Every structure is written in C-alpha cells, then in structure tokens.
Amino acid sequence: MVTLEEISQLLYGAGEEVAGWQGTQDELIALAAKAFPGKAFCVVRQWILIDLTVNPAEKEKLDGLGLLPATLFAHEIVLDSKNRFQPSMWVRSNFGISYSPYMFETKKTVYLLLGPGLRKEASIGAAFSMKAG
C-alpha cells in the first residue's frame, strides 16, 4: 500500500537536479518536430523524471514491451499540441520508451522538458497512484 508520505516525498521531496532545456520554447518545439515528426508533444515545467523501482520479473516484462522503467510527472503543463491538457494543469505520463536530456518519449507523446527538473526513484505504486479526475 502506498503511503501519503511516499507520495509527498515523490512530489515535493529532494531529488537529483537535472538541467532541462534552457533555450526558448519555440526552439525546443522545433527540435522535437525534427526528432519526432508528426508526434504529439507536451511542453512541461517543474518536472520530475521518475526511475521506477522494479523487480527482475517486472523489468523483464517492461523490456519485452519496449518500455523503460520510468515515467514523468510535471507540476505544470505549458502547452499541449493536441489540446488534451490545459496550461497550468499537472500531468503524469505512461511508461517511457526513450529519454534524452530535453525530451521524454512515450508511445503517444513526447514531453518537452523546459527548464530545470528533478530525477527521483519511486515504486510503481507511488508513481501511478496519481490520477487526474
């Protein structure tokens, strides 16, 4: 069972500081369009890259599905290319399929990491306990 303390630490506790994109939002969008043509994108700030603690069986299952044991949480959406989310809302992605210093890719969306963020570890239960609605 996931505790409130565990979720609080994930959202507001200390983590490893990670530099996101330091240029303009338009430059980052252009870079994403070149790297992932036609793919939906979501520009986010105050983000947390979450490395999921998984056991060997879970890791094997994720590997078999082409997924990383990682997800992304962002306290603030800046822009969503498909208007699924409104600016200033929060978002938690599905499992990632690729990660670069400024972009976190899932099967349907590339999250563009604007400004600095954090990298933390959490259980699958804690990371996926956050649901909108």
C-alpha atoms as a PDB file:
ATOM      1  CA  MET A   1       0.000   0.000   0.000  1.00  0.00           C
ATOM      2  CA  VAL A   2       1.268   3.444  -0.934  1.00  0.00           C
ATOM      3  CA  THR A   3       1.520   5.945   1.900  1.00  0.00           C
ATOM      4  CA  LEU A   4       0.818   9.659   1.833  1.00  0.00           C
ATOM      5  CA  GLU A   5       4.426  10.198   2.979  1.00  0.00           C
ATOM      6  CA  GLU A   6       5.719   8.272  -0.055  1.00  0.00           C
ATOM      7  CA  ILE A   7       3.645  10.379  -2.467  1.00  0.00           C
ATOM      8  CA  SER A   8       4.574  13.606  -0.674  1.00  0.00           C
ATOM      9  CA  GLN A   9       8.284  12.766  -0.945  1.00  0.00           C
ATOM     10  CA  LEU A  10       7.867  11.991  -4.628  1.00  0.00           C
ATOM     11  CA  LEU A  11       6.093  15.261  -5.381  1.00  0.00           C
ATOM     12  CA  TYR A  12       7.861  17.650  -3.028  1.00  0.00           C
ATOM     13  CA  GLY A  13      10.958  15.953  -1.594  1.00  0.00           C
ATOM     14  CA  ALA A  14      14.562  16.403  -2.669  1.00  0.00           C
ATOM     15  CA  GLY A  15      15.936  14.766  -5.778  1.00  0.00           C
ATOM     16  CA  GLU A  16      18.847  14.908  -8.174  1.00  0.00           C
ATOM     17  CA  GLU A  17      18.731  18.230 -10.021  1.00  0.00           C
ATOM     18  CA  VAL A  18      18.647  17.830 -13.800  1.00  0.00           C
ATOM     19  CA  ALA A  19      19.040  20.610 -16.350  1.00  0.00           C
ATOM     20  CA  GLY A  20      16.247  20.729 -18.890  1.00  0.00           C
ATOM     21  CA  TRP A  21      16.071  22.896 -21.995  1.00  0.00           C
ATOM     22  CA  GLN A  22      17.480  26.379 -21.362  1.00  0.00           C
ATOM     23  CA  GLY A  23      16.622  27.941 -24.739  1.00  0.00           C
ATOM     24  CA  THR A  24      13.259  29.202 -25.921  1.00  0.00           C
ATOM     25  CA  GLN A  25      10.095  27.135 -26.012  1.00  0.00           C
ATOM     26  CA  ASP A  26       9.887  27.583 -29.803  1.00  0.00           C
ATOM     27  CA  GLU A  27      13.431  26.246 -30.249  1.00  0.00           C
ATOM     28  CA  LEU A  28      12.584  23.171 -28.190  1.00  0.00           C
ATOM     29  CA  ILE A  29       9.393  22.544 -30.181  1.00  0.00           C
ATOM     30  CA  ALA A  30      11.341  22.839 -33.447  1.00  0.00           C
ATOM     31  CA  LEU A  31      13.917  20.354 -32.168  1.00  0.00           C
ATOM     32  CA  ALA A  32      11.157  17.901 -31.219  1.00  0.00           C
ATOM     33  CA  ALA A  33       9.426  18.292 -34.584  1.00  0.00           C
ATOM     34  CA  LYS A  34      12.679  17.357 -36.303  1.00  0.00           C
ATOM     35  CA  ALA A  35      13.362  14.377 -33.998  1.00  0.00           C
ATOM     36  CA  PHE A  36       9.741  13.124 -33.815  1.00  0.00           C
ATOM     37  CA  PRO A  37       7.895  14.387 -36.914  1.00  0.00           C
ATOM     38  CA  GLY A  38       4.121  14.365 -36.513  1.00  0.00           C
ATOM     39  CA  LYS A  39       4.180  13.057 -32.938  1.00  0.00           C
ATOM     40  CA  ALA A  40       2.083  14.827 -30.288  1.00  0.00           C
ATOM     41  CA  PHE A  41       4.094  16.868 -27.808  1.00  0.00           C
ATOM     42  CA  CYS A  42       3.536  18.426 -24.421  1.00  0.00           C
ATOM     43  CA  VAL A  43       5.792  21.204 -23.100  1.00  0.00           C
ATOM     44  CA  VAL A  44       6.188  20.933 -19.322  1.00  0.00           C
ATOM     45  CA  ARG A  45       7.915  22.752 -16.442  1.00  0.00           C
ATOM     46  CA  GLN A  46       8.737  21.776 -12.873  1.00  0.00           C
ATOM     47  CA  TRP A  47       9.103  18.178 -13.993  1.00  0.00           C
ATOM     48  CA  ILE A  48      10.242  15.031 -12.233  1.00  0.00           C
ATOM     49  CA  LEU A  49      11.761  12.112 -14.112  1.00  0.00           C
ATOM     50  CA  ILE A  50      10.802   9.076 -12.037  1.00  0.00           C
ATOM     51  CA  ASP A  51      13.013   5.995 -12.170  1.00  0.00           C
ATOM     52  CA  LEU A  52      10.733   3.162 -11.124  1.00  0.00           C
ATOM     53  CA  THR A  53      11.985   0.556  -8.684  1.00  0.00           C
ATOM     54  CA  VAL A  54      11.077  -2.756 -10.279  1.00  0.00           C
ATOM     55  CA  ASN A  55      11.910  -6.371  -9.531  1.00  0.00           C
ATOM     56  CA  PRO A  56      13.599  -8.585 -12.166  1.00  0.00           C
ATOM     57  CA  ALA A  57      10.272 -10.024 -13.400  1.00  0.00           C
ATOM     58  CA  GLU A  58       8.760  -6.545 -13.835  1.00  0.00           C
ATOM     59  CA  LYS A  59      11.929  -5.346 -15.607  1.00  0.00           C
ATOM     60  CA  GLU A  60      11.788  -8.314 -17.990  1.00  0.00           C
ATOM     61  CA  LYS A  61       8.113  -7.646 -18.744  1.00  0.00           C
ATOM     62  CA  LEU A  62       8.764  -3.945 -19.440  1.00  0.00           C
ATOM     63  CA  ASP A  63      11.771  -4.798 -21.632  1.00  0.00           C
ATOM     64  CA  GLY A  64       9.603  -7.243 -23.597  1.00  0.00           C
ATOM     65  CA  LEU A  65       7.091  -4.473 -24.235  1.00  0.00           C
ATOM     66  CA  GLY A  66       9.811  -1.998 -25.250  1.00  0.00           C
ATOM     67  CA  LEU A  67       9.161   0.189 -22.205  1.00  0.00           C
ATOM     68  CA  LEU A  68      11.536   1.898 -19.798  1.00  0.00           C
ATOM     69  CA  PRO A  69      11.079   1.511 -16.042  1.00  0.00           C
ATOM     70  CA  ALA A  70      10.450   5.261 -15.935  1.00  0.00           C
ATOM     71  CA  THR A  71       7.636   7.793 -16.042  1.00  0.00           C
ATOM     72  CA  LEU A  72       7.419  11.568 -15.948  1.00  0.00           C
ATOM     73  CA  PHE A  73       5.443  13.846 -13.652  1.00  0.00           C
ATOM     74  CA  ALA A  74       5.150  17.575 -14.333  1.00  0.00           C
ATOM     75  CA  HIS A  75       3.657  20.127 -11.971  1.00  0.00           C
ATOM     76  CA  GLU A  76       2.902  22.477 -14.877  1.00  0.00           C
ATOM     77  CA  ILE A  77       1.808  21.955 -18.463  1.00  0.00           C
ATOM     78  CA  VAL A  78       2.843  24.883 -20.636  1.00  0.00           C
ATOM     79  CA  LEU A  79       1.443  23.731 -23.997  1.00  0.00           C
ATOM     80  CA  ASP A  80      -0.109  20.539 -25.340  1.00  0.00           C
ATOM     81  CA  SER A  81      -0.061  20.180 -29.133  1.00  0.00           C
ATOM     82  CA  LYS A  82      -3.318  18.198 -29.186  1.00  0.00           C
ATOM     83  CA  ASN A  83      -5.147  20.324 -26.562  1.00  0.00           C
ATOM     84  CA  ARG A  84      -5.663  17.288 -24.332  1.00  0.00           C
ATOM     85  CA  PHE A  85      -4.454  19.255 -21.317  1.00  0.00           C
ATOM     86  CA  GLN A  86      -4.904  22.903 -20.393  1.00  0.00           C
ATOM     87  CA  PRO A  87      -1.949  25.135 -19.433  1.00  0.00           C
ATOM     88  CA  SER A  88      -1.098  25.102 -15.711  1.00  0.00           C
ATOM     89  CA  MET A  89      -2.561  21.586 -15.201  1.00  0.00           C
ATOM     90  CA  TRP A  90      -0.311  18.774 -13.970  1.00  0.00           C
ATOM     91  CA  VAL A  91       0.404  15.578 -15.883  1.00  0.00           C
ATOM     92  CA  ARG A  92       1.862  12.128 -15.278  1.00  0.00           C
ATOM     93  CA  SER A  93       2.929  10.178 -18.334  1.00  0.00           C
ATOM     94  CA  ASN A  94       2.700   6.499 -19.077  1.00  0.00           C
ATOM     95  CA  PHE A  95       5.875   4.403 -19.182  1.00  0.00           C
ATOM     96  CA  GLY A  96       8.615   5.933 -21.322  1.00  0.00           C
ATOM     97  CA  ILE A  97      10.106   4.426 -24.458  1.00  0.00           C
ATOM     98  CA  SER A  98      13.049   6.836 -24.806  1.00  0.00           C
ATOM     99  CA  TYR A  99      14.690   9.650 -22.904  1.00  0.00           C
ATOM    100  CA  SER A 100      17.142  12.352 -23.910  1.00  0.00           C
ATOM    101  CA  PRO A 101      18.264  15.378 -21.899  1.00  0.00           C
ATOM    102  CA  TYR A 102      15.324  17.523 -23.054  1.00  0.00           C
ATOM    103  CA  MET A 103      12.671  15.010 -24.111  1.00  0.00           C
ATOM    104  CA  PHE A 104      10.826  12.087 -22.539  1.00  0.00           C
ATOM    105  CA  GLU A 105       9.014   9.952 -25.100  1.00  0.00           C
ATOM    106  CA  THR A 106       6.034   7.681 -24.506  1.00  0.00           C
ATOM    107  CA  LYS A 107       4.197   5.695 -27.184  1.00  0.00           C
ATOM    108  CA  LYS A 108       1.838   8.594 -27.962  1.00  0.00           C
ATOM    109  CA  THR A 109       3.564  11.778 -26.727  1.00  0.00           C
ATOM    110  CA  VAL A 110       6.931  13.480 -26.431  1.00  0.00           C
ATOM    111  CA  TYR A 111       7.206  15.523 -23.238  1.00  0.00           C
ATOM    112  CA  LEU A 112       9.468  18.529 -23.768  1.00  0.00           C
ATOM    113  CA  LEU A 113      11.378  19.346 -20.583  1.00  0.00           C
ATOM    114  CA  LEU A 114      11.541  23.121 -20.294  1.00  0.00           C
ATOM    115  CA  GLY A 115      13.852  24.441 -17.603  1.00  0.00           C
ATOM    116  CA  PRO A 116      15.325  22.509 -14.679  1.00  0.00           C
ATOM    117  CA  GLY A 117      13.736  19.433 -13.162  1.00  0.00           C
ATOM    118  CA  LEU A 118      14.440  16.598 -10.762  1.00  0.00           C
ATOM    119  CA  ARG A 119      15.211  12.914 -11.046  1.00  0.00           C
ATOM    120  CA  LYS A 120      13.883  10.627  -8.311  1.00  0.00           C
ATOM    121  CA  GLU A 121      13.186   6.978  -7.582  1.00  0.00           C
ATOM    122  CA  ALA A 122       9.770   5.663  -6.643  1.00  0.00           C
ATOM    123  CA  SER A 123       7.751   2.485  -6.611  1.00  0.00           C
ATOM    124  CA  ILE A 124       5.348   1.800  -9.464  1.00  0.00           C
ATOM    125  CA  GLY A 125       2.519   2.074  -6.937  1.00  0.00           C
ATOM    126  CA  ALA A 126       3.545   5.563  -5.804  1.00  0.00           C
ATOM    127  CA  ALA A 127       4.213   6.883  -9.312  1.00  0.00           C
ATOM    128  CA  PHE A 128       0.974   5.594 -10.789  1.00  0.00           C
ATOM    129  CA  SER A 129      -1.228   6.424  -7.799  1.00  0.00           C
ATOM    130  CA  MET A 130      -1.587   9.975  -9.138  1.00  0.00           C
ATOM    131  CA  LYS A 131      -4.585  10.146 -11.449  1.00  0.00           C
ATOM    132  CA  ALA A 132      -6.374  13.165 -12.853  1.00  0.00           C
ATOM    133  CA  GLY A 133     -10.104  13.496 -12.423  1.00  0.00           C
END
